[in-house]
């Protein structure tokens, strides 16, 4: 009886190891997938970089310059997202769909602009 229980325990353990191995081999992950974040500097009347190319699923984080004395914002021309006007801080948006996104600052709409191109 002990041999039978020991054999069942070994078979169960090996089955569990095989299942995890099959998951990893198939390209699935036991852990959550890493997300990508790209930073954009919000400076005195410009975004840096002015053009950004990213993959679908990437998060863009705008970071305000602490030495800037003017309010700035991040506004999508499609009306999908918008930050508050602020002098310091950060704002994030995850781009879930491919396409071209035009961004501007509501305080400096004529001069402070950027483009984000999202690929599949």
C-alpha atoms as a PDB file:
ATOM      1  CA  UNK A   1       0.000   0.000   0.000  1.00  0.00           C
ATOM      2  CA  UNK A   2       2.871   2.359   0.830  1.00  0.00           C
ATOM      3  CA  UNK A   3       4.447   1.706  -2.563  1.00  0.00           C
ATOM      4  CA  UNK A   4       1.154   2.524  -4.283  1.00  0.00           C
ATOM      5  CA  UNK A   5       0.784   5.824  -2.386  1.00  0.00           C
ATOM      6  CA  UNK A   6       4.411   6.747  -3.102  1.00  0.00           C
ATOM      7  CA  UNK A   7       3.926   5.985  -6.803  1.00  0.00           C
ATOM      8  CA  UNK A   8       0.739   8.109  -6.935  1.00  0.00           C
ATOM      9  CA  UNK A   9       2.574  11.003  -5.222  1.00  0.00           C
ATOM     10  CA  UNK A  10       5.470  10.819  -7.685  1.00  0.00           C
ATOM     11  CA  UNK A  11       3.138  10.649 -10.702  1.00  0.00           C
ATOM     12  CA  UNK A  12       1.153  13.649  -9.405  1.00  0.00           C
ATOM     13  CA  UNK A  13       4.309  15.694  -8.858  1.00  0.00           C
ATOM     14  CA  UNK A  14       5.673  14.828 -12.311  1.00  0.00           C
ATOM     15  CA  UNK A  15       2.336  15.736 -13.908  1.00  0.00           C
ATOM     16  CA  UNK A  16       2.431  19.149 -12.253  1.00  0.00           C
ATOM     17  CA  UNK A  17       5.994  19.770 -13.461  1.00  0.00           C
ATOM     18  CA  UNK A  18       5.050  18.667 -16.988  1.00  0.00           C
ATOM     19  CA  UNK A  19       2.053  21.016 -17.026  1.00  0.00           C
ATOM     20  CA  UNK A  20       4.176  24.017 -16.040  1.00  0.00           C
ATOM     21  CA  UNK A  21       6.813  23.040 -18.604  1.00  0.00           C
ATOM     22  CA  UNK A  22       4.190  22.786 -21.349  1.00  0.00           C
ATOM     23  CA  UNK A  23       2.833  26.216 -20.445  1.00  0.00           C
ATOM     24  CA  UNK A  24       6.277  27.820 -20.663  1.00  0.00           C
ATOM     25  CA  UNK A  25       7.175  25.942 -23.875  1.00  0.00           C
ATOM     26  CA  UNK A  26       3.969  27.082 -25.561  1.00  0.00           C
ATOM     27  CA  UNK A  27       4.938  30.733 -25.021  1.00  0.00           C
ATOM     28  CA  UNK A  28       2.489  31.318 -22.205  1.00  0.00           C
ATOM     29  CA  UNK A  29       3.799  32.794 -19.031  1.00  0.00           C
ATOM     30  CA  UNK A  30       3.090  31.859 -15.481  1.00  0.00           C
ATOM     31  CA  UNK A  31       3.895  35.474 -14.546  1.00  0.00           C
ATOM     32  CA  UNK A  32       2.120  38.579 -15.817  1.00  0.00           C
ATOM     33  CA  UNK A  33       3.568  40.011 -19.012  1.00  0.00           C
ATOM     34  CA  UNK A  34       5.760  43.076 -18.656  1.00  0.00           C
ATOM     35  CA  UNK A  35       4.185  46.256 -19.932  1.00  0.00           C
ATOM     36  CA  UNK A  36       6.269  48.858 -21.694  1.00  0.00           C
ATOM     37  CA  UNK A  37       6.332  52.496 -20.614  1.00  0.00           C
ATOM     38  CA  UNK A  38       7.867  55.339 -22.620  1.00  0.00           C
ATOM     39  CA  UNK A  39       8.602  58.721 -21.045  1.00  0.00           C
ATOM     40  CA  UNK A  40       7.950  62.126 -22.608  1.00  0.00           C
ATOM     41  CA  UNK A  41       9.375  65.282 -21.011  1.00  0.00           C
ATOM     42  CA  UNK A  42       6.990  68.221 -20.647  1.00  0.00           C
ATOM     43  CA  UNK A  43       9.177  71.314 -20.872  1.00  0.00           C
ATOM     44  CA  UNK A  44       8.746  75.054 -21.308  1.00  0.00           C
ATOM     45  CA  UNK A  45       6.500  75.034 -24.371  1.00  0.00           C
ATOM     46  CA  UNK A  46       7.524  71.708 -25.940  1.00  0.00           C
ATOM     47  CA  UNK A  47       7.319  67.926 -25.522  1.00  0.00           C
ATOM     48  CA  UNK A  48      10.489  65.872 -25.841  1.00  0.00           C
ATOM     49  CA  UNK A  49      10.485  63.856 -28.021  1.00  0.00           C
ATOM     50  CA  UNK A  50       8.161  65.630 -30.452  1.00  0.00           C
ATOM     51  CA  UNK A  51       7.403  62.372 -32.284  1.00  0.00           C
ATOM     52  CA  UNK A  52       7.131  58.976 -30.624  1.00  0.00           C
ATOM     53  CA  UNK A  53       6.747  55.554 -32.289  1.00  0.00           C
ATOM     54  CA  UNK A  54       5.412  52.815 -30.011  1.00  0.00           C
ATOM     55  CA  UNK A  55       3.730  49.419 -30.120  1.00  0.00           C
ATOM     56  CA  UNK A  56       0.087  48.845 -29.225  1.00  0.00           C
ATOM     57  CA  UNK A  57      -0.237  48.292 -25.462  1.00  0.00           C
ATOM     58  CA  UNK A  58       2.527  50.749 -24.551  1.00  0.00           C
ATOM     59  CA  UNK A  59       1.928  53.280 -21.788  1.00  0.00           C
ATOM     60  CA  UNK A  60       3.227  56.801 -22.328  1.00  0.00           C
ATOM     61  CA  UNK A  61       4.135  58.752 -19.198  1.00  0.00           C
ATOM     62  CA  UNK A  62       4.451  62.524 -19.526  1.00  0.00           C
ATOM     63  CA  UNK A  63       6.752  64.017 -16.873  1.00  0.00           C
ATOM     64  CA  UNK A  64       6.619  67.754 -16.120  1.00  0.00           C
ATOM     65  CA  UNK A  65       9.902  69.639 -15.664  1.00  0.00           C
ATOM     66  CA  UNK A  66      10.149  70.768 -12.023  1.00  0.00           C
ATOM     67  CA  UNK A  67      11.918  74.002 -13.053  1.00  0.00           C
ATOM     68  CA  UNK A  68       9.193  75.135 -15.463  1.00  0.00           C
ATOM     69  CA  UNK A  69       7.152  78.104 -14.250  1.00  0.00           C
ATOM     70  CA  UNK A  70       4.214  77.577 -16.661  1.00  0.00           C
ATOM     71  CA  UNK A  71       1.206  75.290 -16.588  1.00  0.00           C
ATOM     72  CA  UNK A  72       1.037  72.654 -19.328  1.00  0.00           C
ATOM     73  CA  UNK A  73      -1.330  69.826 -20.235  1.00  0.00           C
ATOM     74  CA  UNK A  74      -1.616  66.770 -22.454  1.00  0.00           C
ATOM     75  CA  UNK A  75      -4.687  66.751 -24.703  1.00  0.00           C
ATOM     76  CA  UNK A  76      -5.559  64.219 -27.402  1.00  0.00           C
ATOM     77  CA  UNK A  77      -7.175  65.806 -30.473  1.00  0.00           C
ATOM     78  CA  UNK A  78      -9.513  62.774 -30.729  1.00  0.00           C
ATOM     79  CA  UNK A  79     -10.941  63.607 -27.293  1.00  0.00           C
ATOM     80  CA  UNK A  80     -10.050  60.223 -25.769  1.00  0.00           C
ATOM     81  CA  UNK A  81      -7.866  61.529 -22.911  1.00  0.00           C
ATOM     82  CA  UNK A  82      -6.692  64.750 -21.287  1.00  0.00           C
ATOM     83  CA  UNK A  83      -4.546  65.701 -18.309  1.00  0.00           C
ATOM     84  CA  UNK A  84      -5.149  68.608 -15.981  1.00  0.00           C
ATOM     85  CA  UNK A  85      -3.200  71.819 -16.494  1.00  0.00           C
ATOM     86  CA  UNK A  86      -0.274  71.651 -14.053  1.00  0.00           C
ATOM     87  CA  UNK A  87       3.279  72.889 -13.402  1.00  0.00           C
ATOM     88  CA  UNK A  88       4.656  69.635 -11.931  1.00  0.00           C
ATOM     89  CA  UNK A  89       3.644  65.997 -11.884  1.00  0.00           C
ATOM     90  CA  UNK A  90       2.994  63.165 -14.303  1.00  0.00           C
ATOM     91  CA  UNK A  91       0.225  61.862 -16.538  1.00  0.00           C
ATOM     92  CA  UNK A  92      -0.086  58.378 -18.084  1.00  0.00           C
ATOM     93  CA  UNK A  93      -2.091  56.899 -20.932  1.00  0.00           C
ATOM     94  CA  UNK A  94      -2.016  53.352 -22.334  1.00  0.00           C
ATOM     95  CA  UNK A  95      -2.387  53.183 -26.130  1.00  0.00           C
ATOM     96  CA  UNK A  96      -4.527  50.130 -26.885  1.00  0.00           C
ATOM     97  CA  UNK A  97      -5.230  50.721 -30.588  1.00  0.00           C
ATOM     98  CA  UNK A  98      -2.937  51.329 -33.562  1.00  0.00           C
ATOM     99  CA  UNK A  99      -3.053  54.702 -35.244  1.00  0.00           C
ATOM    100  CA  UNK A 100      -1.646  58.204 -35.187  1.00  0.00           C
ATOM    101  CA  UNK A 101      -2.408  60.404 -32.201  1.00  0.00           C
ATOM    102  CA  UNK A 102      -1.917  64.170 -32.180  1.00  0.00           C
ATOM    103  CA  UNK A 103      -1.261  65.714 -28.772  1.00  0.00           C
ATOM    104  CA  UNK A 104      -1.242  69.373 -27.759  1.00  0.00           C
ATOM    105  CA  UNK A 105      -1.025  71.541 -24.654  1.00  0.00           C
ATOM    106  CA  UNK A 106      -4.261  73.425 -23.904  1.00  0.00           C
ATOM    107  CA  UNK A 107      -2.242  76.385 -22.580  1.00  0.00           C
ATOM    108  CA  UNK A 108       0.021  76.582 -25.679  1.00  0.00           C
ATOM    109  CA  UNK A 109      -2.082  74.900 -28.406  1.00  0.00           C
ATOM    110  CA  UNK A 110      -0.370  76.549 -31.383  1.00  0.00           C
ATOM    111  CA  UNK A 111       3.252  75.822 -30.412  1.00  0.00           C
ATOM    112  CA  UNK A 112       3.272  72.834 -28.036  1.00  0.00           C
ATOM    113  CA  UNK A 113       2.388  69.723 -30.028  1.00  0.00           C
ATOM    114  CA  UNK A 114       3.554  66.151 -30.528  1.00  0.00           C
ATOM    115  CA  UNK A 115       2.654  63.067 -32.563  1.00  0.00           C
ATOM    116  CA  UNK A 116       2.453  59.476 -31.342  1.00  0.00           C
ATOM    117  CA  UNK A 117       2.397  56.663 -33.907  1.00  0.00           C
ATOM    118  CA  UNK A 118       1.093  53.375 -32.522  1.00  0.00           C
ATOM    119  CA  UNK A 119       1.941  50.184 -34.437  1.00  0.00           C
ATOM    120  CA  UNK A 120       0.264  46.775 -34.087  1.00  0.00           C
END
